[in-house]
């Protein structure tokens, strides 16, 4: 995943067979991982991912890092570090209104 809230850089999260837990201190991004998984599984409402608009779910930048203009979550089956089944990715791009000077349609 990359670009989801606190994850500016690509990050790989292994979800193994059985039960996987995400544990860490407050503010480390646990819920951001869950939101990336929800997006990958088809969630399209920013409100259900603790935002008002999709832009709220994408990394907004810091004093030392620029903001991202997209986020992406991917899933692939790996065995011993090798991709054994096709990877599926769900990009998140903010939706922009066309300028009013353009004709509709």
C-alpha atoms as a PDB file:
ATOM      1  CA  UNK A   1       0.000   0.000   0.000  1.00  0.00           C
ATOM      2  CA  UNK A   2       1.078   3.537  -0.531  1.00  0.00           C
ATOM      3  CA  UNK A   3      -0.375   6.979   0.037  1.00  0.00           C
ATOM      4  CA  UNK A   4      -3.000   6.083   2.671  1.00  0.00           C
ATOM      5  CA  UNK A   5      -2.943   8.798   5.350  1.00  0.00           C
ATOM      6  CA  UNK A   6       0.300   8.199   7.282  1.00  0.00           C
ATOM      7  CA  UNK A   7       1.860   5.860   4.695  1.00  0.00           C
ATOM      8  CA  UNK A   8       3.608   8.193   2.242  1.00  0.00           C
ATOM      9  CA  UNK A   9       6.038   5.546   1.016  1.00  0.00           C
ATOM     10  CA  UNK A  10       5.125   2.057  -0.242  1.00  0.00           C
ATOM     11  CA  UNK A  11       4.721  -0.362   2.641  1.00  0.00           C
ATOM     12  CA  UNK A  12       4.157  -4.099   2.524  1.00  0.00           C
ATOM     13  CA  UNK A  13       1.922  -5.697   5.137  1.00  0.00           C
ATOM     14  CA  UNK A  14       1.891  -9.492   5.272  1.00  0.00           C
ATOM     15  CA  UNK A  15      -1.476 -11.039   6.020  1.00  0.00           C
ATOM     16  CA  UNK A  16      -0.876 -14.708   6.631  1.00  0.00           C
ATOM     17  CA  UNK A  17      -3.310 -17.622   6.657  1.00  0.00           C
ATOM     18  CA  UNK A  18      -5.365 -17.731   9.829  1.00  0.00           C
ATOM     19  CA  UNK A  19      -5.629 -14.663  12.011  1.00  0.00           C
ATOM     20  CA  UNK A  20      -3.447 -11.581  11.597  1.00  0.00           C
ATOM     21  CA  UNK A  21      -3.359  -8.851  14.229  1.00  0.00           C
ATOM     22  CA  UNK A  22      -2.127  -5.285  13.833  1.00  0.00           C
ATOM     23  CA  UNK A  23      -0.618  -4.031  17.071  1.00  0.00           C
ATOM     24  CA  UNK A  24       1.137  -0.770  17.860  1.00  0.00           C
ATOM     25  CA  UNK A  25       1.016   2.464  19.843  1.00  0.00           C
ATOM     26  CA  UNK A  26      -1.594   5.164  19.284  1.00  0.00           C
ATOM     27  CA  UNK A  27      -0.994   7.103  16.093  1.00  0.00           C
ATOM     28  CA  UNK A  28       1.186   4.517  14.335  1.00  0.00           C
ATOM     29  CA  UNK A  29      -1.294   3.853  11.501  1.00  0.00           C
ATOM     30  CA  UNK A  30      -3.110   0.682  12.533  1.00  0.00           C
ATOM     31  CA  UNK A  31      -6.491   1.957  11.351  1.00  0.00           C
ATOM     32  CA  UNK A  32      -4.913   3.270   8.132  1.00  0.00           C
ATOM     33  CA  UNK A  33      -3.925  -0.306   7.283  1.00  0.00           C
ATOM     34  CA  UNK A  34      -7.510  -1.424   7.843  1.00  0.00           C
ATOM     35  CA  UNK A  35      -8.793   1.416   5.663  1.00  0.00           C
ATOM     36  CA  UNK A  36      -6.430   0.425   2.843  1.00  0.00           C
ATOM     37  CA  UNK A  37      -7.760  -3.126   3.081  1.00  0.00           C
ATOM     38  CA  UNK A  38     -11.343  -1.852   3.031  1.00  0.00           C
ATOM     39  CA  UNK A  39     -10.564   0.169  -0.114  1.00  0.00           C
ATOM     40  CA  UNK A  40      -9.023  -2.909  -1.754  1.00  0.00           C
ATOM     41  CA  UNK A  41     -12.167  -4.901  -0.940  1.00  0.00           C
ATOM     42  CA  UNK A  42     -14.418  -2.308  -2.574  1.00  0.00           C
ATOM     43  CA  UNK A  43     -15.187   0.436  -0.038  1.00  0.00           C
ATOM     44  CA  UNK A  44     -15.737   3.703  -1.896  1.00  0.00           C
ATOM     45  CA  UNK A  45     -17.062   6.009   0.819  1.00  0.00           C
ATOM     46  CA  UNK A  46     -14.513   8.393   2.320  1.00  0.00           C
ATOM     47  CA  UNK A  47     -16.800   8.766   5.355  1.00  0.00           C
ATOM     48  CA  UNK A  48     -16.450   5.053   6.097  1.00  0.00           C
ATOM     49  CA  UNK A  49     -12.678   5.587   6.092  1.00  0.00           C
ATOM     50  CA  UNK A  50     -12.735   8.498   8.566  1.00  0.00           C
ATOM     51  CA  UNK A  51     -12.724  11.285   5.983  1.00  0.00           C
ATOM     52  CA  UNK A  52     -15.154  13.714   4.387  1.00  0.00           C
ATOM     53  CA  UNK A  53     -13.701  13.366   0.872  1.00  0.00           C
ATOM     54  CA  UNK A  54     -11.241  10.965  -0.758  1.00  0.00           C
ATOM     55  CA  UNK A  55      -8.543  13.649  -0.477  1.00  0.00           C
ATOM     56  CA  UNK A  56      -8.793  13.225   3.317  1.00  0.00           C
ATOM     57  CA  UNK A  57      -7.710   9.585   3.019  1.00  0.00           C
ATOM     58  CA  UNK A  58      -4.647  10.314   0.838  1.00  0.00           C
ATOM     59  CA  UNK A  59      -1.325  11.338   2.485  1.00  0.00           C
ATOM     60  CA  UNK A  60      -1.528  15.128   2.872  1.00  0.00           C
ATOM     61  CA  UNK A  61       2.161  15.864   3.404  1.00  0.00           C
ATOM     62  CA  UNK A  62       4.351  17.120   6.229  1.00  0.00           C
ATOM     63  CA  UNK A  63       6.912  19.877   6.658  1.00  0.00           C
ATOM     64  CA  UNK A  64       9.558  17.568   5.156  1.00  0.00           C
ATOM     65  CA  UNK A  65       7.473  15.443   2.752  1.00  0.00           C
ATOM     66  CA  UNK A  66       5.236  16.565  -0.095  1.00  0.00           C
ATOM     67  CA  UNK A  67       1.644  15.389  -0.282  1.00  0.00           C
ATOM     68  CA  UNK A  68       0.637  12.498  -2.529  1.00  0.00           C
ATOM     69  CA  UNK A  69      -1.946  12.843  -5.279  1.00  0.00           C
ATOM     70  CA  UNK A  70      -3.067   9.212  -5.106  1.00  0.00           C
ATOM     71  CA  UNK A  71      -3.155   6.181  -2.857  1.00  0.00           C
ATOM     72  CA  UNK A  72      -3.058   2.521  -3.800  1.00  0.00           C
ATOM     73  CA  UNK A  73      -3.663  -0.804  -2.116  1.00  0.00           C
ATOM     74  CA  UNK A  74      -2.601  -4.083  -3.727  1.00  0.00           C
ATOM     75  CA  UNK A  75      -3.031  -7.750  -2.949  1.00  0.00           C
ATOM     76  CA  UNK A  76      -0.991 -10.633  -4.259  1.00  0.00           C
ATOM     77  CA  UNK A  77      -0.295 -14.158  -3.118  1.00  0.00           C
ATOM     78  CA  UNK A  78       3.340 -14.584  -2.203  1.00  0.00           C
ATOM     79  CA  UNK A  79       5.236 -17.696  -1.197  1.00  0.00           C
ATOM     80  CA  UNK A  80       8.791 -17.354   0.113  1.00  0.00           C
ATOM     81  CA  UNK A  81       8.866 -13.777  -1.184  1.00  0.00           C
ATOM     82  CA  UNK A  82       7.828 -14.687  -4.735  1.00  0.00           C
ATOM     83  CA  UNK A  83       4.543 -13.669  -6.369  1.00  0.00           C
ATOM     84  CA  UNK A  84       2.655 -16.894  -7.108  1.00  0.00           C
ATOM     85  CA  UNK A  85      -0.714 -15.439  -8.098  1.00  0.00           C
ATOM     86  CA  UNK A  86      -1.499 -12.218  -9.944  1.00  0.00           C
ATOM     87  CA  UNK A  87      -1.445  -9.024  -7.979  1.00  0.00           C
ATOM     88  CA  UNK A  88      -4.661  -6.986  -7.817  1.00  0.00           C
ATOM     89  CA  UNK A  89      -4.397  -3.234  -7.213  1.00  0.00           C
ATOM     90  CA  UNK A  90      -7.023  -0.626  -6.372  1.00  0.00           C
ATOM     91  CA  UNK A  91      -5.796   2.928  -7.023  1.00  0.00           C
ATOM     92  CA  UNK A  92      -7.482   5.855  -5.293  1.00  0.00           C
ATOM     93  CA  UNK A  93      -7.482   9.066  -7.297  1.00  0.00           C
ATOM     94  CA  UNK A  94      -9.303  12.166  -6.103  1.00  0.00           C
ATOM     95  CA  UNK A  95     -12.232  13.065  -8.308  1.00  0.00           C
ATOM     96  CA  UNK A  96     -12.010  16.507  -9.858  1.00  0.00           C
ATOM     97  CA  UNK A  97     -14.868  18.616 -11.148  1.00  0.00           C
ATOM     98  CA  UNK A  98     -14.295  19.742 -14.745  1.00  0.00           C
ATOM     99  CA  UNK A  99     -13.779  23.487 -15.139  1.00  0.00           C
ATOM    100  CA  UNK A 100     -17.057  25.334 -15.772  1.00  0.00           C
ATOM    101  CA  UNK A 101     -15.696  26.643 -19.093  1.00  0.00           C
ATOM    102  CA  UNK A 102     -15.739  23.141 -20.592  1.00  0.00           C
ATOM    103  CA  UNK A 103     -18.925  21.898 -22.241  1.00  0.00           C
ATOM    104  CA  UNK A 104     -20.731  19.185 -20.289  1.00  0.00           C
ATOM    105  CA  UNK A 105     -20.808  15.618 -21.639  1.00  0.00           C
END
